[in-house]
Amino acid sequence: TVVTEKPKLTSGTEPPVLYPNLAELENY
C-alpha cells in the first residue's frame, strides 16, 4: 500500500521533514 496522505499530528508537534508525498510526486 502506498500512502498519499500526511500523517496525523498531535497539537504542538512540528511536522516531520519529509520528501514530497506521492500526491506531489505525480508531476515529479
mmCIF file of all heavy atoms, coordinates in Angstrom:
data_MODEL
# 
_entry.id   MODEL 
# 
loop_
_atom_site.group_PDB 
_atom_site.id 
_atom_site.type_symbol 
_atom_site.label_atom_id 
_atom_site.label_alt_id 
_atom_site.label_comp_id 
_atom_site.label_asym_id 
_atom_site.label_entity_id 
_atom_site.label_seq_id 
_atom_site.pdbx_PDB_ins_code 
_atom_site.Cartn_x 
_atom_site.Cartn_y 
_atom_site.Cartn_z 
_atom_site.occupancy 
_atom_site.B_iso_or_equiv 
_atom_site.pdbx_formal_charge 
_atom_site.auth_seq_id 
_atom_site.auth_comp_id 
_atom_site.auth_asym_id 
_atom_site.auth_atom_id 
_atom_site.pdbx_PDB_model_num 
ATOM 1   N N   . THR A 1 1  ? 0.838  -1.191 0.000   1.00 0.00 ? 1  THR A N   1 
ATOM 2   C CA  . THR A 1 1  ? 0.000  0.000  0.000   1.00 0.00 ? 1  THR A CA  1 
ATOM 3   C C   . THR A 1 1  ? 0.872  1.239  0.000   1.00 0.00 ? 1  THR A C   1 
ATOM 4   O O   . THR A 1 1  ? 1.824  1.339  0.748   1.00 0.00 ? 1  THR A O   1 
ATOM 5   C CB  . THR A 1 1  ? -0.917 0.022  1.237   1.00 0.00 ? 1  THR A CB  1 
ATOM 6   O OG1 . THR A 1 1  ? -1.704 -1.157 1.225   1.00 0.00 ? 1  THR A OG1 1 
ATOM 7   C CG2 . THR A 1 1  ? -1.822 1.248  1.222   1.00 0.00 ? 1  THR A CG2 1 
ATOM 8   N N   . VAL A 1 2  ? 0.517  2.197  -0.832  1.00 0.00 ? 2  VAL A N   1 
ATOM 9   C CA  . VAL A 1 2  ? 1.248  3.451  -0.898  1.00 0.00 ? 2  VAL A CA  1 
ATOM 10  C C   . VAL A 1 2  ? 0.376  4.538  -0.301  1.00 0.00 ? 2  VAL A C   1 
ATOM 11  O O   . VAL A 1 2  ? -0.785 4.683  -0.659  1.00 0.00 ? 2  VAL A O   1 
ATOM 12  C CB  . VAL A 1 2  ? 1.601  3.804  -2.356  1.00 0.00 ? 2  VAL A CB  1 
ATOM 13  C CG1 . VAL A 1 2  ? 2.278  5.159  -2.407  1.00 0.00 ? 2  VAL A CG1 1 
ATOM 14  C CG2 . VAL A 1 2  ? 2.502  2.740  -2.934  1.00 0.00 ? 2  VAL A CG2 1 
ATOM 15  N N   . VAL A 1 3  ? 0.926  5.291  0.624   1.00 0.00 ? 3  VAL A N   1 
ATOM 16  C CA  . VAL A 1 3  ? 0.152  6.309  1.322   1.00 0.00 ? 3  VAL A CA  1 
ATOM 17  C C   . VAL A 1 3  ? 0.374  7.655  0.659   1.00 0.00 ? 3  VAL A C   1 
ATOM 18  O O   . VAL A 1 3  ? 1.500  8.043  0.380   1.00 0.00 ? 3  VAL A O   1 
ATOM 19  C CB  . VAL A 1 3  ? 0.583  6.381  2.798   1.00 0.00 ? 3  VAL A CB  1 
ATOM 20  C CG1 . VAL A 1 3  ? -0.184 7.475  3.523   1.00 0.00 ? 3  VAL A CG1 1 
ATOM 21  C CG2 . VAL A 1 3  ? 0.334  5.042  3.464   1.00 0.00 ? 3  VAL A CG2 1 
ATOM 22  N N   . THR A 1 4  ? -0.690 8.387  0.372   1.00 0.00 ? 4  THR A N   1 
ATOM 23  C CA  . THR A 1 4  ? -0.558 9.707  -0.234  1.00 0.00 ? 4  THR A CA  1 
ATOM 24  C C   . THR A 1 4  ? -1.024 10.811 0.701   1.00 0.00 ? 4  THR A C   1 
ATOM 25  O O   . THR A 1 4  ? -0.976 11.974 0.353   1.00 0.00 ? 4  THR A O   1 
ATOM 26  C CB  . THR A 1 4  ? -1.383 9.786  -1.528  1.00 0.00 ? 4  THR A CB  1 
ATOM 27  O OG1 . THR A 1 4  ? -2.754 9.506  -1.222  1.00 0.00 ? 4  THR A OG1 1 
ATOM 28  C CG2 . THR A 1 4  ? -0.875 8.804  -2.551  1.00 0.00 ? 4  THR A CG2 1 
ATOM 29  N N   . GLU A 1 5  ? -1.506 10.457 1.900   1.00 0.00 ? 5  GLU A N   1 
ATOM 30  C CA  . GLU A 1 5  ? -1.950 11.483 2.826   1.00 0.00 ? 5  GLU A CA  1 
ATOM 31  C C   . GLU A 1 5  ? -0.907 11.689 3.908   1.00 0.00 ? 5  GLU A C   1 
ATOM 32  O O   . GLU A 1 5  ? -0.124 10.791 4.231   1.00 0.00 ? 5  GLU A O   1 
ATOM 33  C CB  . GLU A 1 5  ? -3.276 11.068 3.457   1.00 0.00 ? 5  GLU A CB  1 
ATOM 34  C CG  . GLU A 1 5  ? -3.180 9.778  4.257   1.00 0.00 ? 5  GLU A CG  1 
ATOM 35  C CD  . GLU A 1 5  ? -4.517 9.096  4.348   1.00 0.00 ? 5  GLU A CD  1 
ATOM 36  O OE1 . GLU A 1 5  ? -5.275 9.164  3.372   1.00 0.00 ? 5  GLU A OE1 1 
ATOM 37  O OE2 . GLU A 1 5  ? -4.795 8.512  5.397   1.00 0.00 ? 5  GLU A OE2 1 
ATOM 38  N N   . LYS A 1 6  ? -0.908 12.873 4.484   1.00 0.00 ? 6  LYS A N   1 
ATOM 39  C CA  . LYS A 1 6  ? 0.079  13.194 5.513   1.00 0.00 ? 6  LYS A CA  1 
ATOM 40  C C   . LYS A 1 6  ? -0.310 12.537 6.824   1.00 0.00 ? 6  LYS A C   1 
ATOM 41  O O   . LYS A 1 6  ? -1.492 12.409 7.136   1.00 0.00 ? 6  LYS A O   1 
ATOM 42  C CB  . LYS A 1 6  ? 0.154  14.709 5.691   1.00 0.00 ? 6  LYS A CB  1 
ATOM 43  C CG  . LYS A 1 6  ? 0.668  15.424 4.438   1.00 0.00 ? 6  LYS A CG  1 
ATOM 44  C CD  . LYS A 1 6  ? 0.699  16.911 4.637   1.00 0.00 ? 6  LYS A CD  1 
ATOM 45  C CE  . LYS A 1 6  ? 1.177  17.618 3.364   1.00 0.00 ? 6  LYS A CE  1 
ATOM 46  N NZ  . LYS A 1 6  ? 1.166  19.079 3.526   1.00 0.00 ? 6  LYS A NZ  1 
ATOM 47  N N   . PRO A 1 7  ? 0.665  12.120 7.651   1.00 0.00 ? 7  PRO A N   1 
ATOM 48  C CA  . PRO A 1 7  ? 0.353  11.523 8.941   1.00 0.00 ? 7  PRO A CA  1 
ATOM 49  C C   . PRO A 1 7  ? -0.301 12.536 9.861   1.00 0.00 ? 7  PRO A C   1 
ATOM 50  O O   . PRO A 1 7  ? 0.010  13.721 9.830   1.00 0.00 ? 7  PRO A O   1 
ATOM 51  C CB  . PRO A 1 7  ? 1.726  11.080 9.463   1.00 0.00 ? 7  PRO A CB  1 
ATOM 52  C CG  . PRO A 1 7  ? 2.696  11.937 8.751   1.00 0.00 ? 7  PRO A CG  1 
ATOM 53  C CD  . PRO A 1 7  ? 2.104  12.194 7.398   1.00 0.00 ? 7  PRO A CD  1 
ATOM 54  N N   . LYS A 1 8  ? -1.211 12.045 10.694  1.00 0.00 ? 8  LYS A N   1 
ATOM 55  C CA  . LYS A 1 8  ? -1.884 12.926 11.653  1.00 0.00 ? 8  LYS A CA  1 
ATOM 56  C C   . LYS A 1 8  ? -0.900 13.303 12.750  1.00 0.00 ? 8  LYS A C   1 
ATOM 57  O O   . LYS A 1 8  ? -0.125 12.491 13.232  1.00 0.00 ? 8  LYS A O   1 
ATOM 58  C CB  . LYS A 1 8  ? -3.095 12.211 12.237  1.00 0.00 ? 8  LYS A CB  1 
ATOM 59  C CG  . LYS A 1 8  ? -4.180 11.956 11.201  1.00 0.00 ? 8  LYS A CG  1 
ATOM 60  C CD  . LYS A 1 8  ? -5.380 11.288 11.829  1.00 0.00 ? 8  LYS A CD  1 
ATOM 61  C CE  . LYS A 1 8  ? -6.460 11.051 10.777  1.00 0.00 ? 8  LYS A CE  1 
ATOM 62  N NZ  . LYS A 1 8  ? -7.642 10.388 11.361  1.00 0.00 ? 8  LYS A NZ  1 
ATOM 63  N N   . LEU A 1 9  ? -0.965 14.572 13.155  1.00 0.00 ? 9  LEU A N   1 
ATOM 64  C CA  . LEU A 1 9  ? -0.039 15.077 14.151  1.00 0.00 ? 9  LEU A CA  1 
ATOM 65  C C   . LEU A 1 9  ? -0.817 15.561 15.367  1.00 0.00 ? 9  LEU A C   1 
ATOM 66  O O   . LEU A 1 9  ? -1.916 16.117 15.244  1.00 0.00 ? 9  LEU A O   1 
ATOM 67  C CB  . LEU A 1 9  ? 0.783  16.253 13.590  1.00 0.00 ? 9  LEU A CB  1 
ATOM 68  C CG  . LEU A 1 9  ? 1.596  15.947 12.326  1.00 0.00 ? 9  LEU A CG  1 
ATOM 69  C CD1 . LEU A 1 9  ? 2.176  17.235 11.784  1.00 0.00 ? 9  LEU A CD1 1 
ATOM 70  C CD2 . LEU A 1 9  ? 2.694  14.954 12.634  1.00 0.00 ? 9  LEU A CD2 1 
ATOM 71  N N   . THR A 1 10 ? -0.254 15.353 16.525  1.00 0.00 ? 10 THR A N   1 
ATOM 72  C CA  . THR A 1 10 ? -0.860 15.896 17.738  1.00 0.00 ? 10 THR A CA  1 
ATOM 73  C C   . THR A 1 10 ? -0.546 17.373 17.819  1.00 0.00 ? 10 THR A C   1 
ATOM 74  O O   . THR A 1 10 ? 0.453  17.854 17.258  1.00 0.00 ? 10 THR A O   1 
ATOM 75  C CB  . THR A 1 10 ? -0.321 15.166 18.975  1.00 0.00 ? 10 THR A CB  1 
ATOM 76  O OG1 . THR A 1 10 ? 1.098  15.315 19.000  1.00 0.00 ? 10 THR A OG1 1 
ATOM 77  C CG2 . THR A 1 10 ? -0.676 13.692 18.921  1.00 0.00 ? 10 THR A CG2 1 
ATOM 78  N N   . SER A 1 11 ? -1.384 18.127 18.526  1.00 0.00 ? 11 SER A N   1 
ATOM 79  C CA  . SER A 1 11 ? -1.194 19.575 18.619  1.00 0.00 ? 11 SER A CA  1 
ATOM 80  C C   . SER A 1 11 ? 0.145  19.888 19.253  1.00 0.00 ? 11 SER A C   1 
ATOM 81  O O   . SER A 1 11 ? 0.583  19.247 20.198  1.00 0.00 ? 11 SER A O   1 
ATOM 82  C CB  . SER A 1 11 ? -2.331 20.192 19.440  1.00 0.00 ? 11 SER A CB  1 
ATOM 83  O OG  . SER A 1 11 ? -2.354 19.634 20.729  1.00 0.00 ? 11 SER A OG  1 
ATOM 84  N N   . GLY A 1 12 ? 0.782  20.915 18.729  1.00 0.00 ? 12 GLY A N   1 
ATOM 85  C CA  . GLY A 1 12 ? 2.067  21.327 19.272  1.00 0.00 ? 12 GLY A CA  1 
ATOM 86  C C   . GLY A 1 12 ? 3.247  20.557 18.717  1.00 0.00 ? 12 GLY A C   1 
ATOM 87  O O   . GLY A 1 12 ? 4.375  20.853 19.057  1.00 0.00 ? 12 GLY A O   1 
ATOM 88  N N   . THR A 1 13 ? 2.984  19.573 17.855  1.00 0.00 ? 13 THR A N   1 
ATOM 89  C CA  . THR A 1 13 ? 4.076  18.787 17.276  1.00 0.00 ? 13 THR A CA  1 
ATOM 90  C C   . THR A 1 13 ? 4.467  19.366 15.930  1.00 0.00 ? 13 THR A C   1 
ATOM 91  O O   . THR A 1 13 ? 3.604  19.599 15.077  1.00 0.00 ? 13 THR A O   1 
ATOM 92  C CB  . THR A 1 13 ? 3.655  17.316 17.083  1.00 0.00 ? 13 THR A CB  1 
ATOM 93  O OG1 . THR A 1 13 ? 3.239  16.814 18.334  1.00 0.00 ? 13 THR A OG1 1 
ATOM 94  C CG2 . THR A 1 13 ? 4.815  16.493 16.541  1.00 0.00 ? 13 THR A CG2 1 
ATOM 95  N N   . GLU A 1 14 ? 5.754  19.600 15.741  1.00 0.00 ? 14 GLU A N   1 
ATOM 96  C CA  . GLU A 1 14 ? 6.221  20.112 14.461  1.00 0.00 ? 14 GLU A CA  1 
ATOM 97  C C   . GLU A 1 14 ? 6.126  19.023 13.401  1.00 0.00 ? 14 GLU A C   1 
ATOM 98  O O   . GLU A 1 14 ? 6.440  17.866 13.667  1.00 0.00 ? 14 GLU A O   1 
ATOM 99  C CB  . GLU A 1 14 ? 7.674  20.588 14.582  1.00 0.00 ? 14 GLU A CB  1 
ATOM 100 C CG  . GLU A 1 14 ? 7.845  21.835 15.419  1.00 0.00 ? 14 GLU A CG  1 
ATOM 101 C CD  . GLU A 1 14 ? 7.146  23.036 14.819  1.00 0.00 ? 14 GLU A CD  1 
ATOM 102 O OE1 . GLU A 1 14 ? 7.188  23.176 13.578  1.00 0.00 ? 14 GLU A OE1 1 
ATOM 103 O OE2 . GLU A 1 14 ? 6.561  23.826 15.583  1.00 0.00 ? 14 GLU A OE2 1 
ATOM 104 N N   . PRO A 1 15 ? 5.684  19.374 12.207  1.00 0.00 ? 15 PRO A N   1 
ATOM 105 C CA  . PRO A 1 15 ? 5.608  18.358 11.159  1.00 0.00 ? 15 PRO A CA  1 
ATOM 106 C C   . PRO A 1 15 ? 6.997  17.848 10.809  1.00 0.00 ? 15 PRO A C   1 
ATOM 107 O O   . PRO A 1 15 ? 7.959  18.621 10.775  1.00 0.00 ? 15 PRO A O   1 
ATOM 108 C CB  . PRO A 1 15 ? 4.989  19.115 9.971   1.00 0.00 ? 15 PRO A CB  1 
ATOM 109 C CG  . PRO A 1 15 ? 5.272  20.558 10.229  1.00 0.00 ? 15 PRO A CG  1 
ATOM 110 C CD  . PRO A 1 15 ? 5.274  20.704 11.732  1.00 0.00 ? 15 PRO A CD  1 
ATOM 111 N N   . PRO A 1 16 ? 7.150  16.542 10.601  1.00 0.00 ? 16 PRO A N   1 
ATOM 112 C CA  . PRO A 1 16 ? 8.464  15.998 10.261  1.00 0.00 ? 16 PRO A CA  1 
ATOM 113 C C   . PRO A 1 16 ? 8.914  16.457 8.887   1.00 0.00 ? 16 PRO A C   1 
ATOM 114 O O   . PRO A 1 16 ? 8.095  16.786 8.034   1.00 0.00 ? 16 PRO A O   1 
ATOM 115 C CB  . PRO A 1 16 ? 8.222  14.481 10.267  1.00 0.00 ? 16 PRO A CB  1 
ATOM 116 C CG  . PRO A 1 16 ? 6.771  14.337 9.968   1.00 0.00 ? 16 PRO A CG  1 
ATOM 117 C CD  . PRO A 1 16 ? 6.099  15.518 10.593  1.00 0.00 ? 16 PRO A CD  1 
ATOM 118 N N   . VAL A 1 17 ? 10.217 16.509 8.683   1.00 0.00 ? 17 VAL A N   1 
ATOM 119 C CA  . VAL A 1 17 ? 10.750 16.859 7.375   1.00 0.00 ? 17 VAL A CA  1 
ATOM 120 C C   . VAL A 1 17 ? 10.687 15.614 6.502   1.00 0.00 ? 17 VAL A C   1 
ATOM 121 O O   . VAL A 1 17 ? 11.358 14.623 6.767   1.00 0.00 ? 17 VAL A O   1 
ATOM 122 C CB  . VAL A 1 17 ? 12.202 17.363 7.489   1.00 0.00 ? 17 VAL A CB  1 
ATOM 123 C CG1 . VAL A 1 17 ? 12.767 17.674 6.111   1.00 0.00 ? 17 VAL A CG1 1 
ATOM 124 C CG2 . VAL A 1 17 ? 12.257 18.595 8.391   1.00 0.00 ? 17 VAL A CG2 1 
ATOM 125 N N   . LEU A 1 18 ? 9.892  15.677 5.446   1.00 0.00 ? 18 LEU A N   1 
ATOM 126 C CA  . LEU A 1 18 ? 9.695  14.519 4.575   1.00 0.00 ? 18 LEU A CA  1 
ATOM 127 C C   . LEU A 1 18 ? 10.034 14.886 3.146   1.00 0.00 ? 18 LEU A C   1 
ATOM 128 O O   . LEU A 1 18 ? 9.984  16.060 2.760   1.00 0.00 ? 18 LEU A O   1 
ATOM 129 C CB  . LEU A 1 18 ? 8.237  14.050 4.620   1.00 0.00 ? 18 LEU A CB  1 
ATOM 130 C CG  . LEU A 1 18 ? 7.674  13.570 5.956   1.00 0.00 ? 18 LEU A CG  1 
ATOM 131 C CD1 . LEU A 1 18 ? 6.210  13.230 5.790   1.00 0.00 ? 18 LEU A CD1 1 
ATOM 132 C CD2 . LEU A 1 18 ? 8.431  12.353 6.431   1.00 0.00 ? 18 LEU A CD2 1 
ATOM 133 N N   . TYR A 1 19 ? 10.326 13.884 2.358   1.00 0.00 ? 19 TYR A N   1 
ATOM 134 C CA  . TYR A 1 19 ? 10.333 14.086 0.923   1.00 0.00 ? 19 TYR A CA  1 
ATOM 135 C C   . TYR A 1 19 ? 8.902  14.398 0.506   1.00 0.00 ? 19 TYR A C   1 
ATOM 136 O O   . TYR A 1 19 ? 7.956  14.066 1.227   1.00 0.00 ? 19 TYR A O   1 
ATOM 137 C CB  . TYR A 1 19 ? 10.797 12.816 0.193   1.00 0.00 ? 19 TYR A CB  1 
ATOM 138 C CG  . TYR A 1 19 ? 12.258 12.517 0.389   1.00 0.00 ? 19 TYR A CG  1 
ATOM 139 C CD1 . TYR A 1 19 ? 12.671 11.635 1.381   1.00 0.00 ? 19 TYR A CD1 1 
ATOM 140 C CD2 . TYR A 1 19 ? 13.217 13.109 -0.415  1.00 0.00 ? 19 TYR A CD2 1 
ATOM 141 C CE1 . TYR A 1 19 ? 14.012 11.370 1.584   1.00 0.00 ? 19 TYR A CE1 1 
ATOM 142 C CE2 . TYR A 1 19 ? 14.563 12.835 -0.229  1.00 0.00 ? 19 TYR A CE2 1 
ATOM 143 C CZ  . TYR A 1 19 ? 14.950 11.964 0.765   1.00 0.00 ? 19 TYR A CZ  1 
ATOM 144 O OH  . TYR A 1 19 ? 16.272 11.690 0.949   1.00 0.00 ? 19 TYR A OH  1 
ATOM 145 N N   . PRO A 1 20 ? 8.669  15.012 -0.650  1.00 0.00 ? 20 PRO A N   1 
ATOM 146 C CA  . PRO A 1 20 ? 7.290  15.275 -1.075  1.00 0.00 ? 20 PRO A CA  1 
ATOM 147 C C   . PRO A 1 20 ? 6.485  13.983 -1.086  1.00 0.00 ? 20 PRO A C   1 
ATOM 148 O O   . PRO A 1 20 ? 6.989  12.929 -1.439  1.00 0.00 ? 20 PRO A O   1 
ATOM 149 C CB  . PRO A 1 20 ? 7.472  15.820 -2.496  1.00 0.00 ? 20 PRO A CB  1 
ATOM 150 C CG  . PRO A 1 20 ? 8.866  16.334 -2.541  1.00 0.00 ? 20 PRO A CG  1 
ATOM 151 C CD  . PRO A 1 20 ? 9.654  15.449 -1.632  1.00 0.00 ? 20 PRO A CD  1 
ATOM 152 N N   . ASN A 1 21 ? 5.203  14.081 -0.691  1.00 0.00 ? 21 ASN A N   1 
ATOM 153 C CA  . ASN A 1 21 ? 4.399  12.865 -0.717  1.00 0.00 ? 21 ASN A CA  1 
ATOM 154 C C   . ASN A 1 21 ? 4.043  12.505 -2.154  1.00 0.00 ? 21 ASN A C   1 
ATOM 155 O O   . ASN A 1 21 ? 4.297  13.279 -3.093  1.00 0.00 ? 21 ASN A O   1 
ATOM 156 C CB  . ASN A 1 21 ? 3.153  13.000 0.174   1.00 0.00 ? 21 ASN A CB  1 
ATOM 157 C CG  . ASN A 1 21 ? 2.196  14.081 -0.291  1.00 0.00 ? 21 ASN A CG  1 
ATOM 158 O OD1 . ASN A 1 21 ? 2.128  14.388 -1.483  1.00 0.00 ? 21 ASN A OD1 1 
ATOM 159 N ND2 . ASN A 1 21 ? 1.467  14.664 0.643   1.00 0.00 ? 21 ASN A ND2 1 
ATOM 160 N N   . LEU A 1 22 ? 3.446  11.334 -2.336  1.00 0.00 ? 22 LEU A N   1 
ATOM 161 C CA  . LEU A 1 22 ? 3.212  10.852 -3.702  1.00 0.00 ? 22 LEU A CA  1 
ATOM 162 C C   . LEU A 1 22 ? 2.259  11.735 -4.479  1.00 0.00 ? 22 LEU A C   1 
ATOM 163 O O   . LEU A 1 22 ? 2.346  11.830 -5.704  1.00 0.00 ? 22 LEU A O   1 
ATOM 164 C CB  . LEU A 1 22 ? 2.691  9.413  -3.660  1.00 0.00 ? 22 LEU A CB  1 
ATOM 165 C CG  . LEU A 1 22 ? 3.752  8.366  -3.355  1.00 0.00 ? 22 LEU A CG  1 
ATOM 166 C CD1 . LEU A 1 22 ? 3.129  6.984  -3.318  1.00 0.00 ? 22 LEU A CD1 1 
ATOM 167 C CD2 . LEU A 1 22 ? 4.866  8.403  -4.385  1.00 0.00 ? 22 LEU A CD2 1 
ATOM 168 N N   . ALA A 1 23 ? 1.326  12.384 -3.778  1.00 0.00 ? 23 ALA A N   1 
ATOM 169 C CA  . ALA A 1 23 ? 0.429  13.285 -4.483  1.00 0.00 ? 23 ALA A CA  1 
ATOM 170 C C   . ALA A 1 23 ? 1.215  14.410 -5.149  1.00 0.00 ? 23 ALA A C   1 
ATOM 171 O O   . ALA A 1 23 ? 0.930  14.810 -6.273  1.00 0.00 ? 23 ALA A O   1 
ATOM 172 C CB  . ALA A 1 23 ? -0.603 13.857 -3.514  1.00 0.00 ? 23 ALA A CB  1 
ATOM 173 N N   . GLU A 1 24 ? 2.247  14.913 -4.430  1.00 0.00 ? 24 GLU A N   1 
ATOM 174 C CA  . GLU A 1 24 ? 3.081  15.959 -5.007  1.00 0.00 ? 24 GLU A CA  1 
ATOM 175 C C   . GLU A 1 24 ? 4.052  15.401 -6.045  1.00 0.00 ? 24 GLU A C   1 
ATOM 176 O O   . GLU A 1 24 ? 4.514  16.116 -6.928  1.00 0.00 ? 24 GLU A O   1 
ATOM 177 C CB  . GLU A 1 24 ? 3.859  16.659 -3.888  1.00 0.00 ? 24 GLU A CB  1 
ATOM 178 C CG  . GLU A 1 24 ? 2.946  17.428 -2.929  1.00 0.00 ? 24 GLU A CG  1 
ATOM 179 C CD  . GLU A 1 24 ? 3.661  17.846 -1.666  1.00 0.00 ? 24 GLU A CD  1 
ATOM 180 O OE1 . GLU A 1 24 ? 4.615  17.147 -1.284  1.00 0.00 ? 24 GLU A OE1 1 
ATOM 181 O OE2 . GLU A 1 24 ? 3.255  18.849 -1.069  1.00 0.00 ? 24 GLU A OE2 1 
ATOM 182 N N   . LEU A 1 25 ? 4.369  14.115 -5.907  1.00 0.00 ? 25 LEU A N   1 
ATOM 183 C CA  . LEU A 1 25 ? 5.308  13.493 -6.847  1.00 0.00 ? 25 LEU A CA  1 
ATOM 184 C C   . LEU A 1 25 ? 4.675  13.115 -8.173  1.00 0.00 ? 25 LEU A C   1 
ATOM 185 O O   . LEU A 1 25 ? 5.367  12.661 -9.072  1.00 0.00 ? 25 LEU A O   1 
ATOM 186 C CB  . LEU A 1 25 ? 5.909  12.227 -6.227  1.00 0.00 ? 25 LEU A CB  1 
ATOM 187 C CG  . LEU A 1 25 ? 7.170  12.406 -5.400  1.00 0.00 ? 25 LEU A CG  1 
ATOM 188 C CD1 . LEU A 1 25 ? 7.632  11.065 -4.871  1.00 0.00 ? 25 LEU A CD1 1 
ATOM 189 C CD2 . LEU A 1 25 ? 8.272  13.051 -6.200  1.00 0.00 ? 25 LEU A CD2 1 
ATOM 190 N N   . GLU A 1 26 ? 3.367  13.274 -8.301  1.00 0.00 ? 26 GLU A N   1 
ATOM 191 C CA  . GLU A 1 26 ? 2.716  12.830 -9.530  1.00 0.00 ? 26 GLU A CA  1 
ATOM 192 C C   . GLU A 1 26 ? 3.214  13.587 -10.745 1.00 0.00 ? 26 GLU A C   1 
ATOM 193 O O   . GLU A 1 26 ? 3.069  13.153 -11.876 1.00 0.00 ? 26 GLU A O   1 
ATOM 194 C CB  . GLU A 1 26 ? 1.198  12.921 -9.399  1.00 0.00 ? 26 GLU A CB  1 
ATOM 195 C CG  . GLU A 1 26 ? 0.654  11.826 -8.494  1.00 0.00 ? 26 GLU A CG  1 
ATOM 196 C CD  . GLU A 1 26 ? -0.861 11.788 -8.435  1.00 0.00 ? 26 GLU A CD  1 
ATOM 197 O OE1 . GLU A 1 26 ? -1.487 12.600 -9.132  1.00 0.00 ? 26 GLU A OE1 1 
ATOM 198 O OE2 . GLU A 1 26 ? -1.393 10.952 -7.695  1.00 0.00 ? 26 GLU A OE2 1 
ATOM 199 N N   . ASN A 1 27 ? 3.796  14.772 -10.538 1.00 0.00 ? 27 ASN A N   1 
ATOM 200 C CA  . ASN A 1 27 ? 4.400  15.503 -11.650 1.00 0.00 ? 27 ASN A CA  1 
ATOM 201 C C   . ASN A 1 27 ? 5.903  15.653 -11.459 1.00 0.00 ? 27 ASN A C   1 
ATOM 202 O O   . ASN A 1 27 ? 6.529  16.490 -12.077 1.00 0.00 ? 27 ASN A O   1 
ATOM 203 C CB  . ASN A 1 27 ? 3.748  16.878 -11.810 1.00 0.00 ? 27 ASN A CB  1 
ATOM 204 C CG  . ASN A 1 27 ? 2.333  16.773 -12.298 1.00 0.00 ? 27 ASN A CG  1 
ATOM 205 O OD1 . ASN A 1 27 ? 2.068  16.052 -13.245 1.00 0.00 ? 27 ASN A OD1 1 
ATOM 206 N ND2 . ASN A 1 27 ? 1.417  17.479 -11.645 1.00 0.00 ? 27 ASN A ND2 1 
ATOM 207 N N   . TYR A 1 28 ? 6.473  14.817 -10.585 1.00 0.00 ? 28 TYR A N   1 
ATOM 208 C CA  . TYR A 1 28 ? 7.899  14.907 -10.298 1.00 0.00 ? 28 TYR A CA  1 
ATOM 209 C C   . TYR A 1 28 ? 8.721  14.577 -11.541 1.00 0.00 ? 28 TYR A C   1 
ATOM 210 O O   . TYR A 1 28 ? 8.494  13.587 -12.209 1.00 0.00 ? 28 TYR A O   1 
ATOM 211 C CB  . TYR A 1 28 ? 8.241  13.939 -9.168  1.00 0.00 ? 28 TYR A CB  1 
ATOM 212 C CG  . TYR A 1 28 ? 9.699  13.900 -8.817  1.00 0.00 ? 28 TYR A CG  1 
ATOM 213 C CD1 . TYR A 1 28 ? 10.289 14.953 -8.134  1.00 0.00 ? 28 TYR A CD1 1 
ATOM 214 C CD2 . TYR A 1 28 ? 10.490 12.818 -9.184  1.00 0.00 ? 28 TYR A CD2 1 
ATOM 215 C CE1 . TYR A 1 28 ? 11.622 14.924 -7.802  1.00 0.00 ? 28 TYR A CE1 1 
ATOM 216 C CE2 . TYR A 1 28 ? 11.833 12.788 -8.861  1.00 0.00 ? 28 TYR A CE2 1 
ATOM 217 C CZ  . TYR A 1 28 ? 12.389 13.844 -8.167  1.00 0.00 ? 28 TYR A CZ  1 
ATOM 218 O OH  . TYR A 1 28 ? 13.715 13.812 -7.856  1.00 0.00 ? 28 TYR A OH  1 
# 
